[in-house]
Amino acid sequence: MTIDPERVRKTYEQLKADAEAGGYHLNPDEAWTLGLVEGLLTNEDRYGYWACPCRLASGNKDEDLDIICPCDYRDADLNDWGACYCALYVSEEVLEGKRPLQAIPERRPAQRPKGGVREEPSGGIRLWRCRVCGYLCAREHPPAVCPVCKAKRERFEPFVLPPSALPGP
């Protein structure tokens, strides 16, 4: 299956603009990134969704929810390794040449729950609040840049609900 190069280019430009607007960066190796975009479009034509081009998709959207780009593992990979698994997204340090790209270990569990239902992490879910605009996100680490106001990671603080806001017994 061959994807029209103009479609690849147009999708790349839109993806790059969306990434930058959200505080993310695409891999600066344009040839590599265009190849990944072609893989995303191939999977979209094949399955109806952007399954990660570097992982084996099942073709069942509910089973593949965690690997639909941007995947569930992107931000943790960026934080720990400077790039996501397929290296479509890279950290600012990688973009600026301050950190080399390296192989990223697979985070996706071999055994996944059926139907896209995931168990709650044993430690609960961390919430982060942007002190500038109030944006909330639930994940292990705050984003590098707030997707709303573009404040940097250091402007986030852990968000704790007061006991009065929790459901009573």
Protein backbone atom coordinates (compact mmCIF):
# COMPACT_ATOMS: atom_id res chain seq x y z
CA MET A 1 0.00 0.00 0.00
CA THR A 2 1.55 3.28 -1.13
CA ILE A 3 0.54 6.52 0.53
CA ASP A 4 0.41 9.69 -1.57
CA PRO A 5 3.52 11.75 -0.71
CA GLU A 6 1.45 14.95 -0.67
CA ARG A 7 -0.84 13.41 1.96
CA VAL A 8 2.20 12.42 4.03
CA ARG A 9 3.67 15.93 3.77
CA LYS A 10 0.38 17.64 4.66
CA THR A 11 -0.16 15.32 7.64
CA TYR A 12 3.44 15.89 8.78
CA GLU A 13 3.01 19.67 8.68
CA GLN A 14 -0.26 19.49 10.65
CA LEU A 15 1.19 17.03 13.18
CA LYS A 16 4.26 19.24 13.65
CA ALA A 17 2.11 22.35 14.19
CA ASP A 18 -0.14 20.51 16.64
CA ALA A 19 2.85 19.09 18.53
CA GLU A 20 4.54 22.48 18.87
CA ALA A 21 1.27 24.13 19.92
CA GLY A 22 0.94 21.50 22.66
CA GLY A 23 4.51 21.88 23.91
CA TYR A 24 5.88 18.79 22.11
CA HIS A 25 8.51 18.37 19.40
CA LEU A 26 8.73 16.02 16.45
CA ASN A 27 11.98 14.26 15.63
CA PRO A 28 14.15 16.77 13.71
CA ASP A 29 15.26 14.03 11.28
CA GLU A 30 12.62 14.89 8.70
CA ALA A 31 13.16 11.78 6.54
CA TRP A 32 12.70 9.54 9.62
CA THR A 33 9.66 11.47 10.75
CA LEU A 34 8.04 11.42 7.31
CA GLY A 35 8.49 7.63 7.30
CA LEU A 36 6.71 7.39 10.65
CA VAL A 37 3.90 9.63 9.40
CA GLU A 38 3.55 7.35 6.37
CA GLY A 39 3.29 4.41 8.79
CA LEU A 40 0.58 6.19 10.78
CA LEU A 41 -1.38 6.86 7.59
CA THR A 42 -0.93 3.26 6.44
CA ASN A 43 -2.36 2.08 9.76
CA GLU A 44 -5.18 4.60 9.51
CA ASP A 45 -6.10 3.22 6.08
CA ARG A 46 -5.72 -0.36 7.31
CA TYR A 47 -7.41 -0.13 10.73
CA GLY A 48 -9.19 3.22 10.83
CA TYR A 49 -6.91 4.69 13.49
CA TRP A 50 -3.32 5.84 13.97
CA ALA A 51 -1.78 2.75 15.55
CA CYS A 52 1.89 3.28 16.41
CA PRO A 53 3.89 2.34 13.30
CA CYS A 54 6.58 0.66 15.43
CA ARG A 55 4.28 -1.74 17.24
CA LEU A 56 2.14 -4.64 16.09
CA ALA A 57 -1.50 -3.54 16.17
CA SER A 58 -4.29 -6.07 16.56
CA GLY A 59 -6.75 -4.27 14.32
CA ASN A 60 -9.18 -4.13 17.25
CA LYS A 61 -9.38 -0.50 18.33
CA ASP A 62 -10.40 -1.34 21.91
CA GLU A 63 -7.33 -3.56 22.30
CA ASP A 64 -5.05 -0.97 20.68
CA LEU A 65 -6.24 2.15 22.53
CA ASP A 66 -2.93 2.38 24.39
CA ILE A 67 -0.88 2.49 21.17
CA ILE A 68 -2.97 4.96 19.18
CA CYS A 69 -0.65 7.88 18.47
CA PRO A 70 0.10 9.74 20.61
CA CYS A 71 0.29 6.59 22.70
CA ASP A 72 -0.24 6.21 26.44
CA TYR A 73 3.51 5.77 26.92
CA ARG A 74 4.74 8.89 25.09
CA ASP A 75 5.14 11.25 28.03
CA ALA A 76 6.81 8.70 30.31
CA ASP A 77 9.21 7.78 27.49
CA LEU A 78 9.98 11.45 26.81
CA ASN A 79 10.63 12.01 30.49
CA ASP A 80 12.84 8.93 30.97
CA TRP A 81 14.52 8.54 27.56
CA GLY A 82 14.10 11.81 25.67
CA ALA A 83 11.97 10.25 22.93
CA CYS A 84 8.89 8.11 22.56
CA TYR A 85 9.20 4.44 21.56
CA CYS A 86 9.21 5.11 17.81
CA ALA A 87 11.07 8.43 18.18
CA LEU A 88 8.33 10.44 16.50
CA TYR A 89 8.25 12.74 19.53
CA VAL A 90 11.46 13.95 21.16
CA SER A 91 12.28 16.05 24.20
CA GLU A 92 13.65 19.57 23.99
CA GLU A 93 17.08 18.23 25.05
CA VAL A 94 17.13 15.83 22.10
CA LEU A 95 15.87 18.52 19.75
CA GLU A 96 18.68 20.84 20.85
CA GLY A 97 21.33 18.10 20.60
CA LYS A 98 21.97 18.07 24.37
CA ARG A 99 20.81 14.45 24.70
CA PRO A 100 21.40 11.67 22.19
CA LEU A 101 18.61 9.51 20.83
CA GLN A 102 18.81 5.97 22.12
CA ALA A 103 16.83 2.75 21.97
CA ILE A 104 13.68 2.97 24.08
CA PRO A 105 12.57 -0.09 26.04
CA GLU A 106 9.01 -1.25 25.46
CA ARG A 107 6.62 -0.16 28.23
CA ARG A 108 3.56 -1.81 26.80
CA PRO A 109 2.71 -4.83 28.93
CA ALA A 110 2.70 -8.15 27.09
CA GLN A 111 -0.61 -9.06 28.73
CA ARG A 112 -3.19 -6.32 28.44
CA PRO A 113 -6.75 -6.27 29.74
CA LYS A 114 -9.40 -7.01 27.14
CA GLY A 115 -11.65 -4.26 25.85
CA GLY A 116 -9.32 -1.41 26.73
CA VAL A 117 -10.16 -1.60 30.44
CA ARG A 118 -7.12 -0.79 32.51
CA GLU A 119 -6.59 -1.39 36.17
CA GLU A 120 -5.97 1.60 38.42
CA PRO A 121 -2.30 1.84 39.41
CA SER A 122 -1.66 0.50 42.90
CA GLY A 123 -0.25 3.85 44.03
CA GLY A 124 -3.26 5.79 42.78
CA ILE A 125 -3.12 8.55 40.21
CA ARG A 126 -1.03 11.68 40.63
CA LEU A 127 -2.59 14.98 39.68
CA TRP A 128 -0.58 17.99 38.57
CA ARG A 129 -1.85 21.57 38.44
CA CYS A 130 -0.38 24.36 36.36
CA ARG A 131 0.05 27.27 38.76
CA VAL A 132 -0.35 29.71 35.87
CA CYS A 133 -3.66 28.67 34.31
CA GLY A 134 -4.99 25.88 36.54
CA TYR A 135 -4.76 23.12 33.90
CA LEU A 136 -4.96 19.69 35.57
CA CYS A 137 -3.43 16.47 34.31
CA ALA A 138 -3.34 13.00 35.81
CA ARG A 139 -0.08 11.17 35.22
CA GLU A 140 3.20 10.26 36.86
CA HIS A 141 5.02 13.48 35.88
CA PRO A 142 3.80 16.91 34.77
CA PRO A 143 4.12 17.74 31.07
CA ALA A 144 7.23 19.55 29.84
CA VAL A 145 5.01 22.45 28.76
CA CYS A 146 1.43 23.24 29.73
CA PRO A 147 -0.75 22.61 26.65
CA VAL A 148 -2.99 25.53 27.59
CA CYS A 149 -0.72 28.43 28.61
CA LYS A 150 2.73 27.07 27.58
CA ALA A 151 4.20 27.39 31.11
CA LYS A 152 7.24 25.12 31.66
CA ARG A 153 7.21 21.95 33.78
CA GLU A 154 8.58 23.72 36.87
CA ARG A 155 5.37 25.78 37.04
CA PHE A 156 3.37 22.64 37.90
CA GLU A 157 2.64 21.53 41.44
CA PRO A 158 1.11 18.36 42.86
CA PHE A 159 -2.63 18.79 43.16
CA VAL A 160 -4.31 17.44 46.25
CA LEU A 161 -8.04 17.47 46.78
CA PRO A 162 -9.03 18.73 50.20
CA PRO A 163 -10.67 16.03 52.37
CA SER A 164 -13.98 17.89 52.14
CA ALA A 165 -14.01 17.28 48.37
CA LEU A 166 -13.71 13.51 48.71
CA PRO A 167 -16.84 11.35 48.75
CA GLY A 168 -17.92 10.44 52.27
CA PRO A 169 -18.60 6.97 53.63
